[in-house]
Amino acid sequence: MFNGLKLSDLPLVNCGVLRKASNTRPTIWIVEKNGVRAVVKDFSGNRFLFRNIVGRFLIWREAKAYRKLRGVRGVAEFFGVVDGLALVVEEIPGRSLENLEKEMQLPHTFFESMETLVAAFHRRGLAHCDLKRAPNTLLGSDGMPYVVDWAASISRGELWLPPFNLVFRRFMLDDEMAIVKLALRHCPERVSAERKARYHYRSWGEKKVRAIRDRLRELLQKAV
C-alpha cells in the first residue's frame, strides 16, 4: 500500500502532524493513501548527525521488532521504512489509556486480552520495555488492547548471555507488571492479592537487575 513512498511525498499525503520534531524526537505524521491511513515516525527533520546515526539506528531496530511481530493481533501492521529515516505502520482507530480511568473504567476482560497479547510477543522473543507508560497501550475501537511504539523494545537475542539473560527476564516481567499497574487503575477489585504483592515486591537481587534494566531503557528512551 505504501510501497514507493518517499520522504518528499509525506506533505502530499499528510492528514495531520501528531508531534513536531525536536532535537531528539521524530516528527509523527498521519498520512493517507488510497483510503488507508497510517502513522509515520520520521527522523528526517532532526539534526544531521542525530538523524543519520541515532535516527537510522532506531528506525532499523523498530522495523526489526515489527517484522518479528507480523500477524500478532494487537500490534499495528507494518507497512515499511522510507529512505531509512521513517517508519510507516497502520493507524489504530481508538484512544490511548492515558488518564482514561478518569472517564471510564475498563473491564477486567480488557486486561485478560492484554495478557494474551503480551504473552504472544514474548513468545516471539520480544519485550516491549515501556508498557508502564499508559500512552503506549490503546483501547481500540473494537474494544481490544493494542500496543504501540516499539522503539525501546529488546529482543531475547540481544541479551541471551548470562547475566544479561536475567535482565531480559526482568523486562518481560515488567511487561506483565505493567498490566497489573493499569488494572489497578481500572478494576483494582479484580487484581488478586498475590499479584498486588508481586507488583510491589523488590528483592536485593531484583533491585540490581532493575538498575541495569533502567540504564538500558534510559539510553533508548532518550532518543525516542
N, C-alpha and C. Protein backbone atom coordinates (compact mmCIF):
# COMPACT_ATOMS: atom_id res chain seq x y z
N MET A 1 0.82 -1.20 0.00
CA MET A 1 0.00 0.00 0.00
C MET A 1 0.87 1.27 0.00
N PHE A 2 1.91 1.28 0.83
CA PHE A 2 2.77 2.46 0.91
C PHE A 2 4.13 2.20 0.28
N ASN A 3 4.22 1.15 -0.55
CA ASN A 3 5.46 0.89 -1.28
C ASN A 3 5.77 2.06 -2.20
N GLY A 4 7.02 2.44 -2.25
CA GLY A 4 7.41 3.54 -3.12
C GLY A 4 7.25 4.91 -2.51
N LEU A 5 6.72 4.97 -1.29
CA LEU A 5 6.57 6.26 -0.61
C LEU A 5 7.95 6.85 -0.32
N LYS A 6 8.10 8.15 -0.57
CA LYS A 6 9.36 8.84 -0.29
C LYS A 6 9.12 9.92 0.75
N LEU A 7 10.19 10.36 1.38
CA LEU A 7 10.07 11.43 2.36
C LEU A 7 9.45 12.68 1.76
N SER A 8 9.78 12.95 0.52
CA SER A 8 9.24 14.14 -0.15
C SER A 8 7.74 14.03 -0.40
N ASP A 9 7.19 12.79 -0.32
CA ASP A 9 5.76 12.59 -0.54
C ASP A 9 4.93 12.87 0.71
N LEU A 10 5.57 12.89 1.87
CA LEU A 10 4.81 12.98 3.13
C LEU A 10 3.91 14.21 3.20
N PRO A 11 4.39 15.40 2.81
CA PRO A 11 3.48 16.55 2.86
C PRO A 11 2.28 16.41 1.93
N LEU A 12 2.42 15.60 0.87
CA LEU A 12 1.35 15.46 -0.11
C LEU A 12 0.24 14.52 0.39
N VAL A 13 0.61 13.56 1.22
CA VAL A 13 -0.37 12.59 1.73
C VAL A 13 -0.68 12.85 3.21
N ASN A 14 -0.17 13.96 3.71
CA ASN A 14 -0.31 14.31 5.13
C ASN A 14 -1.76 14.62 5.50
N CYS A 15 -2.22 14.02 6.62
CA CYS A 15 -3.54 14.34 7.18
C CYS A 15 -3.42 15.08 8.50
N GLY A 16 -2.21 15.26 8.96
CA GLY A 16 -2.02 15.95 10.24
C GLY A 16 -0.70 15.54 10.87
N VAL A 17 -0.19 16.41 11.74
CA VAL A 17 1.04 16.13 12.46
C VAL A 17 0.69 15.94 13.94
N LEU A 18 0.93 14.74 14.46
CA LEU A 18 0.64 14.47 15.87
C LEU A 18 1.69 15.08 16.78
N ARG A 19 2.94 15.13 16.29
CA ARG A 19 4.03 15.70 17.08
C ARG A 19 5.11 16.22 16.14
N LYS A 20 5.56 17.44 16.38
CA LYS A 20 6.64 18.00 15.59
C LYS A 20 7.99 17.51 16.12
N ALA A 21 8.98 17.54 15.24
CA ALA A 21 10.31 17.09 15.63
C ALA A 21 10.92 18.03 16.66
N SER A 22 11.71 17.46 17.56
CA SER A 22 12.52 18.25 18.49
C SER A 22 13.97 17.81 18.29
N ASN A 23 14.86 18.21 19.17
CA ASN A 23 16.27 17.85 19.00
C ASN A 23 16.48 16.34 18.91
N THR A 24 15.74 15.60 19.73
CA THR A 24 15.96 14.15 19.78
C THR A 24 14.70 13.34 19.53
N ARG A 25 13.63 13.97 19.13
CA ARG A 25 12.39 13.23 18.90
C ARG A 25 11.92 13.43 17.47
N PRO A 26 11.40 12.38 16.84
CA PRO A 26 11.00 12.47 15.44
C PRO A 26 9.63 13.14 15.27
N THR A 27 9.37 13.57 14.06
CA THR A 27 8.02 14.03 13.70
C THR A 27 7.11 12.80 13.60
N ILE A 28 5.88 12.94 14.08
CA ILE A 28 4.88 11.88 13.93
C ILE A 28 3.78 12.41 13.01
N TRP A 29 3.66 11.81 11.85
CA TRP A 29 2.67 12.20 10.85
C TRP A 29 1.51 11.20 10.84
N ILE A 30 0.34 11.68 10.43
CA ILE A 30 -0.75 10.82 10.00
C ILE A 30 -0.88 11.01 8.49
N VAL A 31 -0.79 9.93 7.74
CA VAL A 31 -0.87 10.03 6.29
C VAL A 31 -1.99 9.12 5.77
N GLU A 32 -2.43 9.40 4.57
CA GLU A 32 -3.48 8.57 3.95
C GLU A 32 -3.17 8.38 2.49
N LYS A 33 -3.33 7.14 2.05
CA LYS A 33 -3.09 6.82 0.64
C LYS A 33 -4.10 5.77 0.21
N ASN A 34 -4.84 6.07 -0.83
CA ASN A 34 -5.86 5.15 -1.35
C ASN A 34 -6.83 4.71 -0.26
N GLY A 35 -7.19 5.65 0.63
CA GLY A 35 -8.17 5.38 1.67
C GLY A 35 -7.63 4.67 2.90
N VAL A 36 -6.32 4.38 2.92
CA VAL A 36 -5.71 3.72 4.08
C VAL A 36 -4.88 4.74 4.84
N ARG A 37 -5.11 4.81 6.15
CA ARG A 37 -4.38 5.76 6.99
C ARG A 37 -3.25 5.05 7.74
N ALA A 38 -2.17 5.78 7.92
CA ALA A 38 -1.01 5.21 8.58
C ALA A 38 -0.35 6.27 9.45
N VAL A 39 0.45 5.79 10.39
CA VAL A 39 1.25 6.66 11.25
C VAL A 39 2.70 6.55 10.78
N VAL A 40 3.36 7.71 10.66
CA VAL A 40 4.75 7.73 10.21
C VAL A 40 5.61 8.38 11.28
N LYS A 41 6.63 7.65 11.71
CA LYS A 41 7.64 8.20 12.62
C LYS A 41 8.82 8.61 11.76
N ASP A 42 9.13 9.90 11.73
CA ASP A 42 10.04 10.46 10.72
C ASP A 42 11.17 11.26 11.38
N PHE A 43 12.40 10.77 11.23
CA PHE A 43 13.57 11.45 11.79
C PHE A 43 14.22 12.42 10.80
N SER A 44 13.66 12.59 9.62
CA SER A 44 14.33 13.41 8.61
C SER A 44 14.39 14.89 8.99
N GLY A 45 13.55 15.33 9.93
CA GLY A 45 13.56 16.73 10.36
C GLY A 45 14.51 17.01 11.50
N ASN A 46 15.22 15.99 11.98
CA ASN A 46 16.16 16.19 13.07
C ASN A 46 17.52 16.64 12.54
N ARG A 47 18.41 17.02 13.44
CA ARG A 47 19.73 17.48 13.02
C ARG A 47 20.50 16.38 12.32
N PHE A 48 21.42 16.81 11.44
CA PHE A 48 22.08 15.89 10.50
C PHE A 48 22.69 14.67 11.18
N LEU A 49 23.56 14.89 12.16
CA LEU A 49 24.24 13.77 12.80
C LEU A 49 23.26 12.89 13.56
N PHE A 50 22.32 13.51 14.25
CA PHE A 50 21.37 12.73 15.03
C PHE A 50 20.51 11.86 14.12
N ARG A 51 19.96 12.44 13.07
CA ARG A 51 19.06 11.66 12.22
C ARG A 51 19.80 10.53 11.49
N ASN A 52 21.05 10.77 11.11
CA ASN A 52 21.77 9.77 10.32
C ASN A 52 22.50 8.73 11.15
N ILE A 53 22.64 8.98 12.43
CA ILE A 53 23.26 7.98 13.30
C ILE A 53 22.21 7.36 14.22
N VAL A 54 21.65 8.16 15.11
CA VAL A 54 20.67 7.66 16.06
C VAL A 54 19.35 7.33 15.37
N GLY A 55 18.88 8.27 14.53
CA GLY A 55 17.59 8.07 13.87
C GLY A 55 17.54 6.81 13.03
N ARG A 56 18.53 6.61 12.19
CA ARG A 56 18.57 5.42 11.34
C ARG A 56 18.65 4.14 12.18
N PHE A 57 19.43 4.21 13.26
CA PHE A 57 19.56 3.04 14.13
C PHE A 57 18.23 2.68 14.78
N LEU A 58 17.52 3.69 15.29
CA LEU A 58 16.24 3.44 15.95
C LEU A 58 15.18 2.95 14.98
N ILE A 59 15.16 3.51 13.77
CA ILE A 59 14.21 3.04 12.75
C ILE A 59 14.51 1.58 12.39
N TRP A 60 15.78 1.26 12.26
CA TRP A 60 16.17 -0.13 11.94
C TRP A 60 15.72 -1.07 13.05
N ARG A 61 15.94 -0.68 14.31
CA ARG A 61 15.55 -1.53 15.44
C ARG A 61 14.04 -1.72 15.51
N GLU A 62 13.30 -0.62 15.35
CA GLU A 62 11.84 -0.74 15.47
C GLU A 62 11.26 -1.54 14.31
N ALA A 63 11.81 -1.33 13.12
CA ALA A 63 11.34 -2.11 11.96
C ALA A 63 11.59 -3.60 12.19
N LYS A 64 12.74 -3.92 12.78
CA LYS A 64 13.05 -5.32 13.07
C LYS A 64 12.03 -5.91 14.04
N ALA A 65 11.63 -5.11 15.04
CA ALA A 65 10.62 -5.56 16.01
C ALA A 65 9.29 -5.82 15.31
N TYR A 66 8.85 -4.89 14.45
CA TYR A 66 7.58 -5.06 13.77
C TYR A 66 7.59 -6.29 12.86
N ARG A 67 8.73 -6.56 12.23
CA ARG A 67 8.81 -7.75 11.38
C ARG A 67 8.65 -9.02 12.21
N LYS A 68 9.22 -9.02 13.41
CA LYS A 68 9.08 -10.17 14.30
C LYS A 68 7.62 -10.38 14.73
N LEU A 69 6.87 -9.27 14.77
CA LEU A 69 5.52 -9.30 15.32
C LEU A 69 4.42 -9.42 14.26
N ARG A 70 4.81 -9.61 13.02
CA ARG A 70 3.80 -9.71 11.96
C ARG A 70 2.77 -10.78 12.32
N GLY A 71 1.49 -10.40 12.18
CA GLY A 71 0.42 -11.36 12.42
C GLY A 71 -0.06 -11.44 13.85
N VAL A 72 0.59 -10.73 14.77
CA VAL A 72 0.14 -10.74 16.16
C VAL A 72 -1.01 -9.75 16.30
N ARG A 73 -2.16 -10.24 16.71
CA ARG A 73 -3.31 -9.36 16.89
C ARG A 73 -3.06 -8.45 18.08
N GLY A 74 -3.22 -7.15 17.86
CA GLY A 74 -2.94 -6.19 18.91
C GLY A 74 -1.70 -5.38 18.62
N VAL A 75 -1.04 -5.67 17.48
CA VAL A 75 0.13 -4.92 17.03
C VAL A 75 -0.18 -4.38 15.64
N ALA A 76 0.11 -3.10 15.42
CA ALA A 76 -0.19 -2.47 14.14
C ALA A 76 0.53 -3.17 12.99
N GLU A 77 -0.11 -3.20 11.83
CA GLU A 77 0.53 -3.76 10.64
C GLU A 77 1.69 -2.87 10.22
N PHE A 78 2.79 -3.49 9.87
CA PHE A 78 4.00 -2.78 9.46
C PHE A 78 3.96 -2.58 7.95
N PHE A 79 4.05 -1.30 7.51
CA PHE A 79 3.99 -1.00 6.08
C PHE A 79 5.37 -0.78 5.46
N GLY A 80 6.38 -0.54 6.29
CA GLY A 80 7.72 -0.39 5.72
C GLY A 80 8.49 0.80 6.24
N VAL A 81 9.72 0.93 5.71
CA VAL A 81 10.63 2.01 6.07
C VAL A 81 10.83 2.90 4.85
N VAL A 82 10.87 4.21 5.08
CA VAL A 82 11.03 5.18 3.99
C VAL A 82 12.42 5.81 4.09
N ASP A 83 13.24 5.55 3.07
CA ASP A 83 14.57 6.17 2.96
C ASP A 83 15.43 5.98 4.21
N GLY A 84 15.16 4.93 4.98
CA GLY A 84 15.95 4.63 6.16
C GLY A 84 15.72 5.54 7.34
N LEU A 85 14.85 6.55 7.18
CA LEU A 85 14.67 7.56 8.22
C LEU A 85 13.25 7.64 8.77
N ALA A 86 12.33 6.89 8.20
CA ALA A 86 10.94 6.96 8.65
C ALA A 86 10.33 5.56 8.64
N LEU A 87 9.45 5.35 9.60
CA LEU A 87 8.77 4.06 9.78
C LEU A 87 7.28 4.27 9.55
N VAL A 88 6.64 3.40 8.77
CA VAL A 88 5.22 3.54 8.45
C VAL A 88 4.46 2.32 8.99
N VAL A 89 3.48 2.57 9.85
CA VAL A 89 2.66 1.50 10.40
C VAL A 89 1.18 1.89 10.32
N GLU A 90 0.35 0.89 10.43
CA GLU A 90 -1.10 1.07 10.42
C GLU A 90 -1.55 2.02 11.54
N GLU A 91 -2.49 2.90 11.23
CA GLU A 91 -3.12 3.70 12.27
C GLU A 91 -4.19 2.85 12.96
N ILE A 92 -4.14 2.79 14.27
CA ILE A 92 -5.12 2.02 15.04
C ILE A 92 -6.25 2.95 15.49
N PRO A 93 -7.47 2.76 15.00
CA PRO A 93 -8.59 3.58 15.50
C PRO A 93 -8.83 3.29 16.97
N GLY A 94 -8.82 4.32 17.78
CA GLY A 94 -9.02 4.14 19.21
C GLY A 94 -8.41 5.29 19.98
N ARG A 95 -8.13 5.05 21.23
CA ARG A 95 -7.54 6.09 22.07
C ARG A 95 -6.60 5.46 23.08
N SER A 96 -5.64 6.27 23.55
CA SER A 96 -4.67 5.74 24.50
C SER A 96 -5.29 5.63 25.88
N LEU A 97 -4.63 4.88 26.74
CA LEU A 97 -5.12 4.70 28.10
C LEU A 97 -4.71 5.84 29.02
N GLU A 98 -3.99 6.82 28.49
CA GLU A 98 -3.55 7.95 29.30
C GLU A 98 -4.75 8.67 29.92
N ASN A 99 -4.85 8.64 31.24
CA ASN A 99 -5.92 9.30 32.00
C ASN A 99 -7.32 8.79 31.67
N LEU A 100 -7.40 7.65 30.99
CA LEU A 100 -8.71 7.14 30.60
C LEU A 100 -9.55 6.75 31.82
N GLU A 101 -8.88 6.38 32.92
CA GLU A 101 -9.62 5.97 34.12
C GLU A 101 -10.45 7.10 34.71
N LYS A 102 -10.14 8.35 34.33
CA LYS A 102 -10.92 9.49 34.81
C LYS A 102 -12.27 9.60 34.10
N GLU A 103 -12.38 8.92 32.95
CA GLU A 103 -13.60 8.99 32.16
C GLU A 103 -14.40 7.70 32.16
N MET A 104 -13.69 6.58 32.24
CA MET A 104 -14.36 5.29 32.18
C MET A 104 -13.49 4.23 32.83
N GLN A 105 -14.12 3.14 33.22
CA GLN A 105 -13.41 2.02 33.81
C GLN A 105 -13.42 0.85 32.83
N LEU A 106 -12.24 0.40 32.45
CA LEU A 106 -12.16 -0.73 31.55
C LEU A 106 -12.49 -2.03 32.28
N PRO A 107 -13.16 -2.96 31.63
CA PRO A 107 -13.50 -4.24 32.29
C PRO A 107 -12.27 -5.12 32.44
N HIS A 108 -12.35 -6.08 33.34
CA HIS A 108 -11.21 -6.96 33.57
C HIS A 108 -10.90 -7.79 32.33
N THR A 109 -11.90 -7.98 31.46
CA THR A 109 -11.66 -8.77 30.24
C THR A 109 -10.67 -8.07 29.31
N PHE A 110 -10.62 -6.73 29.36
CA PHE A 110 -9.64 -5.99 28.57
C PHE A 110 -8.23 -6.40 28.98
N PHE A 111 -8.01 -6.52 30.28
CA PHE A 111 -6.68 -6.85 30.78
C PHE A 111 -6.36 -8.33 30.58
N GLU A 112 -7.37 -9.16 30.54
CA GLU A 112 -7.14 -10.56 30.18
C GLU A 112 -6.66 -10.66 28.73
N SER A 113 -7.28 -9.86 27.85
CA SER A 113 -6.85 -9.82 26.46
C SER A 113 -5.44 -9.25 26.34
N MET A 114 -5.13 -8.30 27.19
CA MET A 114 -3.79 -7.72 27.17
C MET A 114 -2.75 -8.74 27.61
N GLU A 115 -3.09 -9.58 28.57
CA GLU A 115 -2.18 -10.65 28.99
C GLU A 115 -1.90 -11.60 27.83
N THR A 116 -2.94 -11.91 27.06
CA THR A 116 -2.77 -12.78 25.90
C THR A 116 -1.85 -12.13 24.88
N LEU A 117 -2.01 -10.82 24.67
CA LEU A 117 -1.19 -10.09 23.72
C LEU A 117 0.28 -10.07 24.16
N VAL A 118 0.51 -9.75 25.43
CA VAL A 118 1.88 -9.70 25.94
C VAL A 118 2.54 -11.07 25.84
N ALA A 119 1.80 -12.12 26.17
CA ALA A 119 2.34 -13.48 26.06
C ALA A 119 2.71 -13.80 24.61
N ALA A 120 1.93 -13.27 23.67
CA ALA A 120 2.19 -13.53 22.25
C ALA A 120 3.50 -12.91 21.80
N PHE A 121 3.76 -11.66 22.20
CA PHE A 121 5.03 -11.09 21.73
C PHE A 121 6.22 -11.58 22.54
N HIS A 122 6.00 -12.04 23.75
CA HIS A 122 7.09 -12.68 24.49
C HIS A 122 7.48 -14.01 23.81
N ARG A 123 6.51 -14.72 23.28
CA ARG A 123 6.82 -15.97 22.55
C ARG A 123 7.63 -15.68 21.30
N ARG A 124 7.45 -14.48 20.73
CA ARG A 124 8.25 -14.09 19.57
C ARG A 124 9.64 -13.60 19.97
N GLY A 125 9.93 -13.59 21.27
CA GLY A 125 11.26 -13.19 21.73
C GLY A 125 11.44 -11.71 21.89
N LEU A 126 10.37 -10.98 22.14
CA LEU A 126 10.44 -9.53 22.32
C LEU A 126 9.81 -9.10 23.63
N ALA A 127 10.48 -8.16 24.29
CA ALA A 127 9.90 -7.47 25.44
C ALA A 127 9.70 -6.01 25.04
N HIS A 128 8.53 -5.45 25.34
CA HIS A 128 8.24 -4.08 24.94
C HIS A 128 9.07 -3.07 25.74
N CYS A 129 9.17 -3.28 27.04
CA CYS A 129 10.02 -2.48 27.94
C CYS A 129 9.47 -1.12 28.33
N ASP A 130 8.35 -0.70 27.78
CA ASP A 130 7.82 0.61 28.13
C ASP A 130 6.30 0.60 28.26
N LEU A 131 5.76 -0.52 28.68
CA LEU A 131 4.30 -0.64 28.78
C LEU A 131 3.72 0.11 29.96
N LYS A 132 4.54 0.46 30.94
CA LYS A 132 4.00 1.18 32.10
C LYS A 132 3.58 2.59 31.73
N ARG A 133 4.04 3.09 30.59
CA ARG A 133 3.55 4.37 30.09
C ARG A 133 2.21 4.13 29.41
N ALA A 134 1.16 4.67 30.02
CA ALA A 134 -0.20 4.42 29.53
C ALA A 134 -0.41 4.77 28.05
N PRO A 135 0.25 5.82 27.49
CA PRO A 135 0.03 6.13 26.07
C PRO A 135 0.47 5.02 25.12
N ASN A 136 1.26 4.07 25.59
CA ASN A 136 1.73 3.01 24.71
C ASN A 136 0.73 1.86 24.57
N THR A 137 -0.37 1.94 25.29
CA THR A 137 -1.46 0.97 25.12
C THR A 137 -2.70 1.71 24.66
N LEU A 138 -3.34 1.20 23.63
CA LEU A 138 -4.55 1.81 23.09
C LEU A 138 -5.76 0.93 23.36
N LEU A 139 -6.87 1.58 23.59
CA LEU A 139 -8.17 0.91 23.58
C LEU A 139 -8.70 1.05 22.16
N GLY A 140 -8.68 -0.04 21.41
CA GLY A 140 -9.13 0.01 20.03
C GLY A 140 -10.63 0.24 19.93
N SER A 141 -11.06 0.69 18.78
CA SER A 141 -12.49 0.90 18.57
C SER A 141 -13.27 -0.41 18.66
N ASP A 142 -12.55 -1.53 18.57
CA ASP A 142 -13.18 -2.85 18.72
C ASP A 142 -13.18 -3.32 20.17
N GLY A 143 -12.69 -2.46 21.08
CA GLY A 143 -12.67 -2.80 22.49
C GLY A 143 -11.47 -3.62 22.92
N MET A 144 -10.56 -3.90 21.99
CA MET A 144 -9.40 -4.73 22.28
C MET A 144 -8.16 -3.87 22.55
N PRO A 145 -7.16 -4.42 23.27
CA PRO A 145 -5.93 -3.67 23.52
C PRO A 145 -4.98 -3.73 22.33
N TYR A 146 -4.28 -2.63 22.11
CA TYR A 146 -3.24 -2.56 21.09
C TYR A 146 -2.01 -1.91 21.71
N VAL A 147 -0.85 -2.47 21.43
CA VAL A 147 0.41 -1.94 21.97
C VAL A 147 1.16 -1.25 20.84
N VAL A 148 1.61 -0.02 21.11
CA VAL A 148 2.29 0.78 20.10
C VAL A 148 3.67 1.21 20.60
N ASP A 149 4.45 1.78 19.69
CA ASP A 149 5.77 2.35 19.98
C ASP A 149 6.75 1.28 20.48
N TRP A 150 7.42 0.63 19.51
CA TRP A 150 8.33 -0.46 19.81
C TRP A 150 9.79 -0.03 19.76
N ALA A 151 10.04 1.26 19.82
CA ALA A 151 11.41 1.75 19.68
C ALA A 151 12.30 1.33 20.84
N ALA A 152 11.73 1.16 22.02
CA ALA A 152 12.53 0.78 23.20
C ALA A 152 12.51 -0.72 23.45
N SER A 153 11.95 -1.49 22.54
CA SER A 153 11.83 -2.93 22.76
C SER A 153 13.20 -3.61 22.74
N ILE A 154 13.28 -4.74 23.42
CA ILE A 154 14.51 -5.52 23.49
C ILE A 154 14.22 -6.94 23.03
N SER A 155 15.12 -7.47 22.20
CA SER A 155 14.99 -8.84 21.72
C SER A 155 15.76 -9.80 22.63
N ARG A 156 15.22 -10.99 22.78
CA ARG A 156 15.91 -12.01 23.58
C ARG A 156 17.32 -12.26 23.03
N GLY A 157 17.47 -12.20 21.72
CA GLY A 157 18.77 -12.44 21.11
C GLY A 157 19.82 -11.40 21.46
N GLU A 158 19.38 -10.23 21.89
CA GLU A 158 20.33 -9.18 22.27
C GLU A 158 20.87 -9.36 23.68
N LEU A 159 20.15 -10.14 24.50
CA LEU A 159 20.53 -10.30 25.91
C LEU A 159 20.52 -11.78 26.31
N TRP A 160 21.09 -12.63 25.48
CA TRP A 160 20.99 -14.06 25.76
C TRP A 160 22.12 -14.56 26.66
N LEU A 161 23.25 -13.82 26.70
CA LEU A 161 24.37 -14.26 27.53
C LEU A 161 24.12 -13.96 29.00
N PRO A 162 24.46 -14.89 29.91
CA PRO A 162 24.38 -14.60 31.34
C PRO A 162 25.40 -13.49 31.68
N PRO A 163 25.10 -12.57 32.57
CA PRO A 163 23.87 -12.46 33.36
C PRO A 163 22.79 -11.61 32.69
N PHE A 164 23.04 -11.20 31.41
CA PHE A 164 22.10 -10.30 30.76
C PHE A 164 20.77 -10.97 30.43
N ASN A 165 20.77 -12.31 30.37
CA ASN A 165 19.50 -13.00 30.16
C ASN A 165 18.55 -12.77 31.34
N LEU A 166 19.13 -12.53 32.53
CA LEU A 166 18.29 -12.20 33.68
C LEU A 166 17.64 -10.83 33.51
N VAL A 167 18.37 -9.93 32.87
CA VAL A 167 17.82 -8.60 32.60
C VAL A 167 16.66 -8.72 31.62
N PHE A 168 16.80 -9.59 30.61
CA PHE A 168 15.70 -9.78 29.66
C PHE A 168 14.48 -10.36 30.36
N ARG A 169 14.70 -11.31 31.26
CA ARG A 169 13.57 -11.85 32.02
C ARG A 169 12.89 -10.76 32.83
N ARG A 170 13.70 -9.84 33.34
CA ARG A 170 13.13 -8.73 34.11
C ARG A 170 12.30 -7.82 33.21
N PHE A 171 12.76 -7.61 31.99
CA PHE A 171 11.99 -6.81 31.03
C PHE A 171 10.64 -7.48 30.76
N MET A 172 10.63 -8.79 30.60
CA MET A 172 9.37 -9.48 30.36
C MET A 172 8.45 -9.38 31.58
N LEU A 173 9.04 -9.51 32.77
CA LEU A 173 8.24 -9.35 33.98
C LEU A 173 7.67 -7.94 34.08
N ASP A 174 8.47 -6.95 33.66
CA ASP A 174 7.98 -5.57 33.66
C ASP A 174 6.76 -5.41 32.78
N ASP A 175 6.79 -6.06 31.61
CA ASP A 175 5.62 -6.02 30.72
C ASP A 175 4.40 -6.57 31.44
N GLU A 176 4.58 -7.68 32.14
CA GLU A 176 3.47 -8.31 32.85
C GLU A 176 2.98 -7.44 34.00
N MET A 177 3.93 -6.83 34.72
CA MET A 177 3.56 -5.97 35.84
C MET A 177 2.90 -4.67 35.37
N ALA A 178 3.21 -4.27 34.14
CA ALA A 178 2.55 -3.08 33.58
C ALA A 178 1.05 -3.31 33.45
N ILE A 179 0.66 -4.54 33.13
CA ILE A 179 -0.76 -4.87 33.05
C ILE A 179 -1.40 -4.73 34.42
N VAL A 180 -0.70 -5.20 35.45
CA VAL A 180 -1.21 -5.07 36.82
C VAL A 180 -1.37 -3.60 37.19
N LYS A 181 -0.38 -2.80 36.83
CA LYS A 181 -0.44 -1.36 37.14
C LYS A 181 -1.67 -0.72 36.51
N LEU A 182 -1.93 -1.04 35.25
CA LEU A 182 -3.08 -0.47 34.56
C LEU A 182 -4.39 -1.01 35.13
N ALA A 183 -4.40 -2.30 35.45
CA ALA A 183 -5.61 -2.90 36.02
C ALA A 183 -5.94 -2.30 37.38
N LEU A 184 -4.93 -1.95 38.15
CA LEU A 184 -5.16 -1.33 39.46
C LEU A 184 -5.85 0.02 39.33
N ARG A 185 -5.69 0.66 38.19
CA ARG A 185 -6.36 1.94 37.95
C ARG A 185 -7.82 1.75 37.56
N HIS A 186 -8.11 0.64 36.90
CA HIS A 186 -9.43 0.47 36.32
C HIS A 186 -10.32 -0.51 37.08
N CYS A 187 -9.77 -1.61 37.52
CA CYS A 187 -10.58 -2.61 38.22
C CYS A 187 -9.76 -3.24 39.34
N PRO A 188 -9.36 -2.45 40.33
CA PRO A 188 -8.48 -2.96 41.41
C PRO A 188 -9.08 -4.13 42.16
N GLU A 189 -10.39 -4.20 42.20
CA GLU A 189 -11.04 -5.29 42.94
C GLU A 189 -10.83 -6.64 42.25
N ARG A 190 -10.44 -6.62 40.97
CA ARG A 190 -10.23 -7.87 40.24
C ARG A 190 -8.76 -8.30 40.22
N VAL A 191 -7.89 -7.50 40.84
CA VAL A 191 -6.47 -7.85 40.91
C VAL A 191 -6.24 -8.65 42.19
N SER A 192 -5.69 -9.84 42.06
CA SER A 192 -5.50 -10.70 43.22
C SER A 192 -4.47 -10.14 44.18
N ALA A 193 -4.58 -10.55 45.44
CA ALA A 193 -3.62 -10.12 46.45
C ALA A 193 -2.21 -10.58 46.08
N GLU A 194 -2.11 -11.76 45.47
CA GLU A 194 -0.81 -12.30 45.07
C GLU A 194 -0.15 -11.39 44.02
N ARG A 195 -0.95 -10.95 43.06
CA ARG A 195 -0.39 -10.08 42.02
C ARG A 195 -0.03 -8.71 42.57
N LYS A 196 -0.84 -8.20 43.47
CA LYS A 196 -0.51 -6.93 44.09
C LYS A 196 0.81 -7.03 44.85
N ALA A 197 0.99 -8.13 45.58
CA ALA A 197 2.22 -8.33 46.35
C ALA A 197 3.42 -8.44 45.42
N ARG A 198 3.25 -9.17 44.29
CA ARG A 198 4.35 -9.31 43.33
C ARG A 198 4.68 -7.97 42.70
N TYR A 199 3.69 -7.17 42.46
CA TYR A 199 3.91 -5.86 41.85
C TYR A 199 4.76 -4.97 42.75
N HIS A 200 4.57 -5.06 44.05
CA HIS A 200 5.27 -4.18 44.99
C HIS A 200 6.56 -4.79 45.54
N TYR A 201 6.80 -6.08 45.26
CA TYR A 201 7.95 -6.77 45.86
C TYR A 201 9.27 -6.38 45.16
N ARG A 202 10.32 -6.15 45.96
CA ARG A 202 11.64 -5.85 45.43
C ARG A 202 12.69 -6.56 46.29
N SER A 203 13.30 -7.63 45.78
CA SER A 203 14.38 -8.28 46.50
C SER A 203 15.69 -7.55 46.20
N TRP A 204 16.75 -7.89 46.96
CA TRP A 204 18.05 -7.25 46.73
C TRP A 204 18.55 -7.54 45.32
N GLY A 205 18.49 -8.82 44.93
CA GLY A 205 18.96 -9.18 43.60
C GLY A 205 18.14 -8.51 42.50
N GLU A 206 16.85 -8.43 42.76
CA GLU A 206 15.97 -7.81 41.77
C GLU A 206 16.29 -6.34 41.60
N LYS A 207 16.63 -5.68 42.69
CA LYS A 207 16.99 -4.27 42.60
C LYS A 207 18.21 -4.06 41.73
N LYS A 208 19.19 -4.99 41.82
CA LYS A 208 20.39 -4.90 40.99
C LYS A 208 20.05 -5.09 39.52
N VAL A 209 19.21 -6.08 39.25
CA VAL A 209 18.79 -6.33 37.87
C VAL A 209 18.00 -5.14 37.33
N ARG A 210 17.14 -4.58 38.17
CA ARG A 210 16.35 -3.42 37.76
C ARG A 210 17.24 -2.22 37.45
N ALA A 211 18.34 -2.06 38.19
CA ALA A 211 19.25 -0.94 37.95
C ALA A 211 19.88 -1.04 36.56
N ILE A 212 20.30 -2.26 36.19
CA ILE A 212 20.86 -2.47 34.85
C ILE A 212 19.79 -2.25 33.80
N ARG A 213 18.62 -2.80 34.04
CA ARG A 213 17.49 -2.64 33.12
C ARG A 213 17.15 -1.17 32.90
N ASP A 214 17.08 -0.40 33.99
CA ASP A 214 16.70 1.01 33.90
C ASP A 214 17.71 1.81 33.08
N ARG A 215 18.99 1.45 33.23
CA ARG A 215 20.01 2.16 32.46
C ARG A 215 19.89 1.86 30.98
N LEU A 216 19.66 0.60 30.63
CA LEU A 216 19.48 0.23 29.23
C LEU A 216 18.26 0.93 28.64
N ARG A 217 17.16 0.93 29.39
CA ARG A 217 15.94 1.56 28.91
C ARG A 217 16.10 3.07 28.78
N GLU A 218 16.81 3.66 29.72
CA GLU A 218 17.03 5.12 29.68
C GLU A 218 17.78 5.53 28.43
N LEU A 219 18.78 4.75 28.04
CA LEU A 219 19.56 5.07 26.85
C LEU A 219 18.69 5.05 25.60
N LEU A 220 17.76 4.08 25.53
CA LEU A 220 16.86 4.02 24.38
C LEU A 220 15.80 5.11 24.40
N GLN A 221 15.23 5.36 25.59
CA GLN A 221 14.13 6.31 25.68
C GLN A 221 14.55 7.74 25.41
N LYS A 222 15.82 8.06 25.67
CA LYS A 222 16.29 9.43 25.45
C LYS A 222 16.17 9.82 23.98
N ALA A 223 16.20 8.82 23.13
CA ALA A 223 16.20 9.10 21.71
C ALA A 223 14.86 8.87 21.03
N VAL A 224 13.86 8.37 21.78
CA VAL A 224 12.60 8.05 21.14
C VAL A 224 11.57 9.15 21.26
